[in-house]
């Protein structure tokens, strides 16, 4: 084996490890983004509804900030997800069939560990109501993240519109519903 072949092999291994690390980093950021969105939205609603003397203008500002945050985080998780998909494609192109256990000492996973675990537990009747787990396993975590983030955005936007309506009511009394 020549030095040039060895360096190409080493470069492929380094690139593979960096892509894996990038993928893990983006996955971690997806989970953290969801936790941040839920926490900050909860704090905003907690502050608004626990304090009795909050003006509608203050509520509007708080709900607008929460809506903006949820919108930005929705865009962020979408970007991170597509970045992960790109990393998956690059890993497949880099590795493909050439990266075998004897060359790089990697064992390729054929199935997700969670699928193997749940299938084994289902066969041994260790999981009550396995259809619930099967339903959840067939859904993408990104779709759940996106749906929850979209729900938070909708809730905060509705709150913004309610605040705007109440501000308008204070200036234009004829808008009151009877």
N, C-alpha and C. Protein backbone atom coordinates (compact mmCIF):
# COMPACT_ATOMS: atom_id res chain seq x y z
N UNK A 1 0.84 -1.17 0.00
CA UNK A 1 0.00 0.00 0.00
C UNK A 1 0.89 1.24 0.00
N UNK A 2 0.62 2.17 -0.89
CA UNK A 2 1.45 3.37 -0.98
C UNK A 2 0.98 4.41 0.04
N UNK A 3 1.85 5.41 0.22
CA UNK A 3 1.51 6.50 1.15
C UNK A 3 0.28 7.27 0.69
N UNK A 4 0.12 7.40 -0.63
CA UNK A 4 -1.02 8.14 -1.15
C UNK A 4 -2.33 7.43 -0.84
N UNK A 5 -2.38 6.11 -0.99
CA UNK A 5 -3.58 5.35 -0.67
C UNK A 5 -3.90 5.44 0.81
N UNK A 6 -2.89 5.38 1.63
CA UNK A 6 -3.10 5.46 3.07
C UNK A 6 -3.65 6.82 3.44
N UNK A 7 -3.17 7.87 2.83
CA UNK A 7 -3.65 9.21 3.16
C UNK A 7 -5.10 9.41 2.70
N UNK A 8 -5.47 8.84 1.57
CA UNK A 8 -6.85 8.94 1.11
C UNK A 8 -7.77 8.19 2.07
N UNK A 9 -7.34 7.03 2.51
CA UNK A 9 -8.12 6.25 3.46
C UNK A 9 -8.28 7.01 4.78
N UNK A 10 -7.19 7.60 5.24
CA UNK A 10 -7.25 8.37 6.48
C UNK A 10 -8.13 9.61 6.33
N UNK A 11 -8.04 10.26 5.17
CA UNK A 11 -8.88 11.44 4.93
C UNK A 11 -10.36 11.07 4.90
N UNK A 12 -10.67 9.93 4.29
CA UNK A 12 -12.05 9.48 4.28
C UNK A 12 -12.55 9.19 5.69
N UNK A 13 -11.69 8.58 6.49
CA UNK A 13 -12.08 8.27 7.86
C UNK A 13 -12.29 9.56 8.67
N UNK A 14 -11.41 10.53 8.50
CA UNK A 14 -11.55 11.81 9.20
C UNK A 14 -12.83 12.52 8.76
N UNK A 15 -13.08 12.53 7.46
CA UNK A 15 -14.29 13.17 6.96
C UNK A 15 -15.53 12.46 7.47
N UNK A 16 -15.49 11.14 7.51
CA UNK A 16 -16.61 10.36 8.04
C UNK A 16 -16.88 10.73 9.50
N UNK A 17 -15.84 10.80 10.30
CA UNK A 17 -15.99 11.13 11.72
C UNK A 17 -16.52 12.55 11.91
N UNK A 18 -16.06 13.49 11.08
CA UNK A 18 -16.55 14.87 11.18
C UNK A 18 -18.02 14.97 10.77
N UNK A 19 -18.41 14.24 9.74
CA UNK A 19 -19.82 14.24 9.33
C UNK A 19 -20.71 13.64 10.42
N UNK A 20 -20.24 12.58 11.04
CA UNK A 20 -21.00 11.97 12.14
C UNK A 20 -21.14 12.95 13.30
N UNK A 21 -20.07 13.65 13.61
CA UNK A 21 -20.11 14.62 14.70
C UNK A 21 -21.04 15.79 14.36
N UNK A 22 -21.01 16.25 13.11
CA UNK A 22 -21.93 17.31 12.68
C UNK A 22 -23.38 16.86 12.81
N UNK A 23 -23.64 15.62 12.39
CA UNK A 23 -25.00 15.09 12.47
C UNK A 23 -25.47 15.04 13.92
N UNK A 24 -24.62 14.55 14.80
CA UNK A 24 -24.98 14.47 16.23
C UNK A 24 -25.21 15.86 16.82
N UNK A 25 -24.38 16.80 16.42
CA UNK A 25 -24.52 18.18 16.90
C UNK A 25 -25.87 18.77 16.48
N UNK A 26 -26.24 18.58 15.22
CA UNK A 26 -27.53 19.09 14.74
C UNK A 26 -28.69 18.39 15.44
N UNK A 27 -28.56 17.11 15.69
CA UNK A 27 -29.61 16.38 16.40
C UNK A 27 -29.78 16.93 17.81
N UNK A 28 -28.67 17.19 18.47
CA UNK A 28 -28.71 17.78 19.81
C UNK A 28 -29.36 19.16 19.77
N UNK A 29 -29.05 19.94 18.75
CA UNK A 29 -29.63 21.27 18.62
C UNK A 29 -31.14 21.21 18.38
N UNK A 30 -31.61 20.19 17.65
CA UNK A 30 -33.05 20.03 17.44
C UNK A 30 -33.77 19.83 18.78
N UNK A 31 -33.24 18.93 19.60
CA UNK A 31 -33.86 18.66 20.90
C UNK A 31 -33.81 19.90 21.79
N UNK A 32 -32.69 20.60 21.79
CA UNK A 32 -32.56 21.79 22.63
C UNK A 32 -33.49 22.90 22.17
N UNK A 33 -33.67 23.05 20.87
CA UNK A 33 -34.56 24.09 20.35
C UNK A 33 -35.99 23.87 20.81
N UNK A 34 -36.43 22.65 20.78
CA UNK A 34 -37.79 22.35 21.22
C UNK A 34 -37.95 22.64 22.71
N UNK A 35 -36.98 22.25 23.50
CA UNK A 35 -37.04 22.51 24.95
C UNK A 35 -37.05 24.01 25.24
N UNK A 36 -36.24 24.77 24.51
CA UNK A 36 -36.19 26.22 24.70
C UNK A 36 -37.53 26.85 24.32
N UNK A 37 -38.10 26.43 23.22
CA UNK A 37 -39.38 27.01 22.76
C UNK A 37 -40.49 26.75 23.77
N UNK A 38 -40.59 25.52 24.23
CA UNK A 38 -41.65 25.18 25.19
C UNK A 38 -41.44 25.94 26.49
N UNK A 39 -40.21 26.00 26.96
CA UNK A 39 -39.92 26.69 28.23
C UNK A 39 -40.22 28.18 28.14
N UNK A 40 -39.70 28.85 27.12
CA UNK A 40 -39.91 30.29 27.02
C UNK A 40 -41.37 30.67 26.75
N UNK A 41 -42.06 29.86 25.96
CA UNK A 41 -43.48 30.13 25.74
C UNK A 41 -44.25 29.95 27.05
N UNK A 42 -43.91 28.92 27.81
CA UNK A 42 -44.54 28.72 29.11
C UNK A 42 -44.26 29.85 30.08
N UNK A 43 -43.04 30.35 30.07
CA UNK A 43 -42.69 31.49 30.94
C UNK A 43 -43.49 32.73 30.57
N UNK A 44 -43.60 33.00 29.26
CA UNK A 44 -44.37 34.18 28.82
C UNK A 44 -45.82 34.06 29.28
N UNK A 45 -46.44 32.91 29.05
CA UNK A 45 -47.83 32.75 29.47
C UNK A 45 -47.95 32.78 30.99
N UNK A 46 -46.97 32.22 31.68
CA UNK A 46 -46.98 32.26 33.14
C UNK A 46 -46.91 33.68 33.68
N UNK A 47 -46.04 34.50 33.09
CA UNK A 47 -45.91 35.89 33.52
C UNK A 47 -47.18 36.68 33.21
N UNK A 48 -47.72 36.50 32.04
CA UNK A 48 -48.89 37.26 31.62
C UNK A 48 -50.11 36.91 32.48
N UNK A 49 -50.31 35.64 32.73
CA UNK A 49 -51.54 35.24 33.43
C UNK A 49 -51.40 35.18 34.94
N UNK A 50 -50.19 35.22 35.47
CA UNK A 50 -50.05 35.20 36.93
C UNK A 50 -50.03 36.61 37.52
N UNK A 51 -49.75 37.59 36.71
CA UNK A 51 -49.71 38.97 37.17
C UNK A 51 -51.03 39.63 36.78
N UNK A 52 -51.68 40.26 37.74
CA UNK A 52 -53.01 40.83 37.47
C UNK A 52 -52.95 42.21 36.83
N UNK A 53 -51.91 42.95 37.04
CA UNK A 53 -51.85 44.32 36.53
C UNK A 53 -50.99 44.46 35.27
N UNK A 54 -51.08 43.50 34.38
CA UNK A 54 -50.32 43.59 33.13
C UNK A 54 -51.21 44.26 32.09
N UNK A 55 -50.74 45.35 31.53
CA UNK A 55 -51.53 46.06 30.52
C UNK A 55 -51.57 45.24 29.22
N UNK A 56 -52.56 45.56 28.38
CA UNK A 56 -52.68 44.84 27.12
C UNK A 56 -51.52 45.15 26.19
N UNK A 57 -50.94 46.31 26.32
CA UNK A 57 -49.77 46.65 25.50
C UNK A 57 -48.58 45.79 25.92
N UNK A 58 -48.42 45.60 27.21
CA UNK A 58 -47.33 44.73 27.70
C UNK A 58 -47.56 43.29 27.25
N UNK A 59 -48.81 42.84 27.32
CA UNK A 59 -49.13 41.49 26.84
C UNK A 59 -48.82 41.36 25.36
N UNK A 60 -49.19 42.39 24.60
CA UNK A 60 -48.91 42.37 23.16
C UNK A 60 -47.42 42.24 22.89
N UNK A 61 -46.62 43.01 23.63
CA UNK A 61 -45.17 42.95 23.44
C UNK A 61 -44.64 41.57 23.79
N UNK A 62 -45.07 41.02 24.93
CA UNK A 62 -44.59 39.69 25.35
C UNK A 62 -45.02 38.61 24.36
N UNK A 63 -46.29 38.64 23.95
CA UNK A 63 -46.76 37.63 23.00
C UNK A 63 -46.10 37.78 21.64
N UNK A 64 -45.82 39.01 21.24
CA UNK A 64 -45.12 39.24 19.97
C UNK A 64 -43.70 38.68 20.02
N UNK A 65 -43.04 38.90 21.15
CA UNK A 65 -41.68 38.35 21.30
C UNK A 65 -41.72 36.82 21.29
N UNK A 66 -42.71 36.23 21.97
CA UNK A 66 -42.83 34.77 21.97
C UNK A 66 -43.13 34.24 20.57
N UNK A 67 -43.98 34.95 19.84
CA UNK A 67 -44.30 34.53 18.46
C UNK A 67 -43.06 34.60 17.56
N UNK A 68 -42.32 35.68 17.71
CA UNK A 68 -41.09 35.83 16.93
C UNK A 68 -40.10 34.72 17.26
N UNK A 69 -39.93 34.46 18.54
CA UNK A 69 -39.02 33.38 18.95
C UNK A 69 -39.47 32.05 18.37
N UNK A 70 -40.77 31.75 18.46
CA UNK A 70 -41.26 30.47 17.93
C UNK A 70 -41.10 30.39 16.42
N UNK A 71 -41.28 31.50 15.72
CA UNK A 71 -41.08 31.51 14.27
C UNK A 71 -39.61 31.24 13.93
N UNK A 72 -38.71 31.91 14.63
CA UNK A 72 -37.27 31.72 14.38
C UNK A 72 -36.87 30.27 14.68
N UNK A 73 -37.36 29.73 15.78
CA UNK A 73 -37.02 28.35 16.12
C UNK A 73 -37.62 27.35 15.14
N UNK A 74 -38.80 27.65 14.60
CA UNK A 74 -39.38 26.80 13.57
C UNK A 74 -38.49 26.76 12.33
N UNK A 75 -38.00 27.93 11.92
CA UNK A 75 -37.07 27.98 10.79
C UNK A 75 -35.77 27.26 11.11
N UNK A 76 -35.30 27.42 12.34
CA UNK A 76 -34.04 26.79 12.75
C UNK A 76 -34.13 25.27 12.73
N UNK A 77 -35.21 24.71 13.28
CA UNK A 77 -35.29 23.24 13.29
C UNK A 77 -35.45 22.69 11.88
N UNK A 78 -36.12 23.46 11.01
CA UNK A 78 -36.23 23.03 9.62
C UNK A 78 -34.86 23.03 8.95
N UNK A 79 -34.10 24.10 9.17
CA UNK A 79 -32.75 24.18 8.60
C UNK A 79 -31.85 23.06 9.13
N UNK A 80 -31.91 22.83 10.43
CA UNK A 80 -31.09 21.77 11.02
C UNK A 80 -31.47 20.40 10.48
N UNK A 81 -32.76 20.19 10.27
CA UNK A 81 -33.21 18.90 9.73
C UNK A 81 -32.67 18.68 8.31
N UNK A 82 -32.76 19.71 7.48
CA UNK A 82 -32.25 19.56 6.11
C UNK A 82 -30.73 19.44 6.09
N UNK A 83 -30.07 20.06 7.04
CA UNK A 83 -28.62 19.90 7.16
C UNK A 83 -28.30 18.44 7.50
N UNK A 84 -29.09 17.86 8.41
CA UNK A 84 -28.89 16.45 8.77
C UNK A 84 -29.12 15.54 7.57
N UNK A 85 -30.15 15.83 6.77
CA UNK A 85 -30.40 15.01 5.59
C UNK A 85 -29.23 15.10 4.61
N UNK A 86 -28.65 16.29 4.48
CA UNK A 86 -27.47 16.45 3.62
C UNK A 86 -26.29 15.67 4.16
N UNK A 87 -26.12 15.67 5.48
CA UNK A 87 -25.03 14.89 6.09
C UNK A 87 -25.24 13.41 5.85
N UNK A 88 -26.50 12.95 5.92
CA UNK A 88 -26.80 11.55 5.64
C UNK A 88 -26.39 11.18 4.22
N UNK A 89 -26.72 12.04 3.27
CA UNK A 89 -26.37 11.78 1.88
C UNK A 89 -24.85 11.74 1.69
N UNK A 90 -24.15 12.69 2.32
CA UNK A 90 -22.69 12.70 2.21
C UNK A 90 -22.07 11.46 2.85
N UNK A 91 -22.62 11.04 3.98
CA UNK A 91 -22.12 9.82 4.62
C UNK A 91 -22.32 8.61 3.72
N UNK A 92 -23.47 8.55 3.07
CA UNK A 92 -23.73 7.43 2.17
C UNK A 92 -22.78 7.45 0.98
N UNK A 93 -22.55 8.64 0.41
CA UNK A 93 -21.63 8.75 -0.72
C UNK A 93 -20.20 8.44 -0.30
N UNK A 94 -19.82 8.92 0.88
CA UNK A 94 -18.47 8.71 1.36
C UNK A 94 -18.23 7.24 1.67
N UNK A 95 -19.18 6.66 2.38
CA UNK A 95 -19.02 5.28 2.82
C UNK A 95 -19.47 4.31 1.76
N UNK A 96 -20.74 4.34 1.51
CA UNK A 96 -21.31 3.41 0.56
C UNK A 96 -20.91 1.99 0.90
N UNK A 97 -20.58 1.23 -0.09
CA UNK A 97 -20.18 -0.16 0.10
C UNK A 97 -18.69 -0.29 0.39
N UNK A 98 -17.92 0.78 0.16
CA UNK A 98 -16.47 0.68 0.34
C UNK A 98 -16.08 0.63 1.82
N UNK A 99 -16.80 1.32 2.68
CA UNK A 99 -16.43 1.33 4.09
C UNK A 99 -16.96 0.06 4.74
N UNK A 100 -16.10 -0.89 4.90
CA UNK A 100 -16.51 -2.15 5.52
C UNK A 100 -15.80 -2.28 6.86
N UNK A 101 -16.24 -3.23 7.64
CA UNK A 101 -15.69 -3.39 8.99
C UNK A 101 -14.19 -3.69 8.95
N UNK A 102 -13.72 -4.43 7.94
CA UNK A 102 -12.29 -4.77 7.92
C UNK A 102 -11.41 -3.58 7.53
N UNK A 103 -11.94 -2.64 6.77
CA UNK A 103 -11.14 -1.48 6.37
C UNK A 103 -11.06 -0.42 7.45
N UNK A 104 -12.21 -0.06 8.01
CA UNK A 104 -12.25 1.07 8.92
C UNK A 104 -12.72 0.73 10.33
N UNK A 105 -12.96 -0.53 10.56
CA UNK A 105 -13.41 -1.01 11.87
C UNK A 105 -14.73 -0.37 12.29
N UNK A 106 -15.61 -0.17 11.34
CA UNK A 106 -16.96 0.31 11.64
C UNK A 106 -17.92 -0.84 11.37
N UNK A 107 -18.87 -1.03 12.26
CA UNK A 107 -19.94 -1.97 11.98
C UNK A 107 -21.15 -1.15 11.58
N UNK A 108 -21.65 -1.43 10.40
CA UNK A 108 -22.79 -0.68 9.90
C UNK A 108 -24.06 -1.24 10.49
N UNK A 109 -24.93 -0.35 10.91
CA UNK A 109 -26.22 -0.76 11.45
C UNK A 109 -27.18 -0.99 10.29
N UNK A 110 -27.87 -2.10 10.35
CA UNK A 110 -28.87 -2.39 9.33
C UNK A 110 -30.23 -1.85 9.78
N UNK A 111 -30.50 -1.95 11.08
CA UNK A 111 -31.77 -1.50 11.64
C UNK A 111 -31.50 -0.51 12.75
N UNK A 112 -32.50 0.28 13.05
CA UNK A 112 -32.39 1.18 14.20
C UNK A 112 -32.41 0.32 15.46
N UNK A 113 -31.60 0.68 16.46
CA UNK A 113 -31.62 -0.08 17.70
C UNK A 113 -33.00 -0.10 18.35
N UNK A 114 -33.73 0.99 18.24
CA UNK A 114 -35.05 1.04 18.86
C UNK A 114 -36.00 0.03 18.22
N UNK A 115 -35.92 -0.14 16.91
CA UNK A 115 -36.77 -1.11 16.24
C UNK A 115 -36.47 -2.52 16.71
N UNK A 116 -35.19 -2.86 16.79
CA UNK A 116 -34.82 -4.19 17.26
C UNK A 116 -35.29 -4.42 18.68
N UNK A 117 -35.08 -3.43 19.53
CA UNK A 117 -35.49 -3.54 20.93
C UNK A 117 -36.99 -3.74 21.06
N UNK A 118 -37.78 -2.89 20.38
CA UNK A 118 -39.22 -2.98 20.50
C UNK A 118 -39.76 -4.25 19.86
N UNK A 119 -39.20 -4.67 18.73
CA UNK A 119 -39.66 -5.92 18.11
C UNK A 119 -39.43 -7.11 19.03
N UNK A 120 -38.28 -7.12 19.69
CA UNK A 120 -37.99 -8.21 20.62
C UNK A 120 -38.95 -8.18 21.80
N UNK A 121 -39.22 -7.00 22.35
CA UNK A 121 -40.13 -6.88 23.49
C UNK A 121 -41.57 -7.21 23.10
N UNK A 122 -41.96 -6.84 21.89
CA UNK A 122 -43.31 -7.16 21.42
C UNK A 122 -43.48 -8.67 21.28
N UNK A 123 -42.46 -9.33 20.73
CA UNK A 123 -42.53 -10.78 20.57
C UNK A 123 -42.61 -11.50 21.91
N UNK A 124 -41.97 -10.93 22.93
CA UNK A 124 -41.99 -11.54 24.27
C UNK A 124 -43.15 -11.04 25.12
N UNK A 125 -44.08 -10.29 24.51
CA UNK A 125 -45.25 -9.75 25.21
C UNK A 125 -44.87 -8.93 26.44
N UNK A 126 -43.81 -8.14 26.33
CA UNK A 126 -43.35 -7.31 27.44
C UNK A 126 -43.85 -5.88 27.35
N UNK A 127 -44.49 -5.52 26.23
CA UNK A 127 -44.98 -4.15 26.05
C UNK A 127 -46.50 -4.19 25.97
N UNK A 128 -47.16 -3.50 26.91
CA UNK A 128 -48.63 -3.41 26.80
C UNK A 128 -49.00 -2.46 25.68
N UNK A 129 -50.03 -2.76 24.95
CA UNK A 129 -50.51 -1.94 23.83
C UNK A 129 -49.40 -1.63 22.83
N UNK A 130 -48.83 -2.64 22.20
CA UNK A 130 -47.71 -2.39 21.27
C UNK A 130 -48.09 -1.55 20.06
N UNK A 131 -49.38 -1.46 19.73
CA UNK A 131 -49.78 -0.67 18.56
C UNK A 131 -49.46 0.81 18.76
N UNK A 132 -49.45 1.29 20.02
CA UNK A 132 -49.09 2.68 20.28
C UNK A 132 -47.62 2.91 19.94
N UNK A 133 -46.76 2.00 20.38
CA UNK A 133 -45.33 2.12 20.09
C UNK A 133 -45.06 2.00 18.59
N UNK A 134 -45.76 1.09 17.94
CA UNK A 134 -45.57 0.93 16.50
C UNK A 134 -45.98 2.20 15.76
N UNK A 135 -47.08 2.83 16.20
CA UNK A 135 -47.52 4.09 15.59
C UNK A 135 -46.46 5.17 15.75
N UNK A 136 -45.92 5.31 16.96
CA UNK A 136 -44.93 6.35 17.24
C UNK A 136 -43.61 6.08 16.52
N UNK A 137 -43.21 4.80 16.41
CA UNK A 137 -41.94 4.48 15.75
C UNK A 137 -41.98 4.78 14.25
N UNK A 138 -43.16 4.76 13.66
CA UNK A 138 -43.26 5.00 12.22
C UNK A 138 -43.32 6.48 11.88
N UNK A 139 -43.35 7.33 12.90
CA UNK A 139 -43.42 8.77 12.68
C UNK A 139 -42.03 9.38 12.89
N UNK A 140 -41.74 10.35 12.08
CA UNK A 140 -40.46 11.04 12.17
C UNK A 140 -40.46 11.98 13.38
N UNK A 141 -39.36 12.00 14.11
CA UNK A 141 -39.24 12.93 15.24
C UNK A 141 -39.30 14.37 14.74
N UNK A 142 -38.76 14.61 13.55
CA UNK A 142 -38.81 15.96 12.99
C UNK A 142 -40.25 16.42 12.79
N UNK A 143 -41.12 15.52 12.33
CA UNK A 143 -42.52 15.90 12.14
C UNK A 143 -43.17 16.25 13.48
N UNK A 144 -42.82 15.53 14.53
CA UNK A 144 -43.34 15.85 15.86
C UNK A 144 -42.81 17.21 16.31
N UNK A 145 -41.50 17.43 16.13
CA UNK A 145 -40.90 18.72 16.50
C UNK A 145 -41.57 19.86 15.75
N UNK A 146 -41.70 19.68 14.45
CA UNK A 146 -42.28 20.71 13.60
C UNK A 146 -43.72 20.99 14.03
N UNK A 147 -44.49 19.94 14.28
CA UNK A 147 -45.88 20.11 14.70
C UNK A 147 -46.01 20.83 16.03
N UNK A 148 -45.18 20.46 16.99
CA UNK A 148 -45.23 21.12 18.30
C UNK A 148 -44.82 22.58 18.16
N UNK A 149 -43.78 22.83 17.40
CA UNK A 149 -43.32 24.21 17.20
C UNK A 149 -44.38 25.04 16.49
N UNK A 150 -45.03 24.45 15.51
CA UNK A 150 -46.10 25.14 14.79
C UNK A 150 -47.28 25.43 15.72
N UNK A 151 -47.61 24.49 16.58
CA UNK A 151 -48.68 24.70 17.56
C UNK A 151 -48.34 25.85 18.52
N UNK A 152 -47.10 25.89 18.99
CA UNK A 152 -46.68 26.99 19.86
C UNK A 152 -46.78 28.33 19.14
N UNK A 153 -46.39 28.34 17.88
CA UNK A 153 -46.48 29.57 17.09
C UNK A 153 -47.93 30.01 16.92
N UNK A 154 -48.81 29.08 16.64
CA UNK A 154 -50.23 29.41 16.46
C UNK A 154 -50.81 29.95 17.76
N UNK A 155 -50.50 29.30 18.88
CA UNK A 155 -51.02 29.75 20.18
C UNK A 155 -50.55 31.17 20.50
N UNK A 156 -49.27 31.43 20.27
CA UNK A 156 -48.77 32.78 20.57
C UNK A 156 -49.32 33.82 19.60
N UNK A 157 -49.52 33.45 18.34
CA UNK A 157 -50.11 34.40 17.38
C UNK A 157 -51.56 34.71 17.74
N UNK A 158 -52.31 33.72 18.16
CA UNK A 158 -53.68 33.96 18.61
C UNK A 158 -53.67 34.92 19.80
N UNK A 159 -52.73 34.73 20.69
CA UNK A 159 -52.62 35.63 21.85
C UNK A 159 -52.27 37.05 21.42
N UNK A 160 -51.43 37.18 20.40
CA UNK A 160 -51.11 38.51 19.87
C UNK A 160 -52.37 39.18 19.33
N UNK A 161 -53.17 38.44 18.56
CA UNK A 161 -54.38 39.02 17.99
C UNK A 161 -55.40 39.37 19.07
N UNK A 162 -55.51 38.56 20.10
CA UNK A 162 -56.41 38.88 21.22
C UNK A 162 -55.94 40.16 21.91
N UNK A 163 -54.64 40.28 22.11
CA UNK A 163 -54.10 41.50 22.72
C UNK A 163 -54.37 42.72 21.86
N UNK A 164 -54.15 42.59 20.56
CA UNK A 164 -54.43 43.70 19.64
C UNK A 164 -55.91 44.09 19.69
N UNK A 165 -56.77 43.11 19.71
CA UNK A 165 -58.21 43.37 19.76
C UNK A 165 -58.56 44.13 21.04
N UNK A 166 -58.00 43.70 22.17
CA UNK A 166 -58.28 44.39 23.43
C UNK A 166 -57.71 45.80 23.46
N UNK A 167 -56.58 46.01 22.84
CA UNK A 167 -56.02 47.37 22.75
C UNK A 167 -56.94 48.24 21.90
N UNK A 168 -57.41 47.70 20.77
CA UNK A 168 -58.34 48.45 19.93
C UNK A 168 -59.64 48.76 20.67
N UNK A 169 -60.11 47.83 21.48
CA UNK A 169 -61.33 48.06 22.26
C UNK A 169 -61.18 49.22 23.23
N UNK A 170 -59.99 49.36 23.78
CA UNK A 170 -59.79 50.45 24.72
C UNK A 170 -59.80 51.83 24.03
N UNK A 171 -59.47 51.85 22.74
CA UNK A 171 -59.47 53.11 22.01
C UNK A 171 -60.77 53.34 21.24
N UNK A 172 -61.40 52.28 20.79
CA UNK A 172 -62.62 52.40 19.99
C UNK A 172 -63.70 51.56 20.67
N UNK A 173 -64.50 52.16 21.53
CA UNK A 173 -65.49 51.40 22.29
C UNK A 173 -66.60 50.79 21.42
N UNK A 174 -66.83 51.29 20.24
CA UNK A 174 -67.90 50.75 19.41
C UNK A 174 -67.59 49.34 18.88
N UNK A 175 -66.35 48.86 19.04
CA UNK A 175 -65.99 47.52 18.58
C UNK A 175 -66.40 46.42 19.57
N UNK A 176 -66.87 46.79 20.73
CA UNK A 176 -67.24 45.81 21.75
C UNK A 176 -68.33 44.89 21.24
N UNK A 177 -68.14 43.61 21.50
CA UNK A 177 -69.17 42.64 21.14
C UNK A 177 -70.27 42.69 22.19
N UNK A 178 -71.52 42.59 21.73
CA UNK A 178 -72.63 42.66 22.69
C UNK A 178 -73.26 41.32 22.89
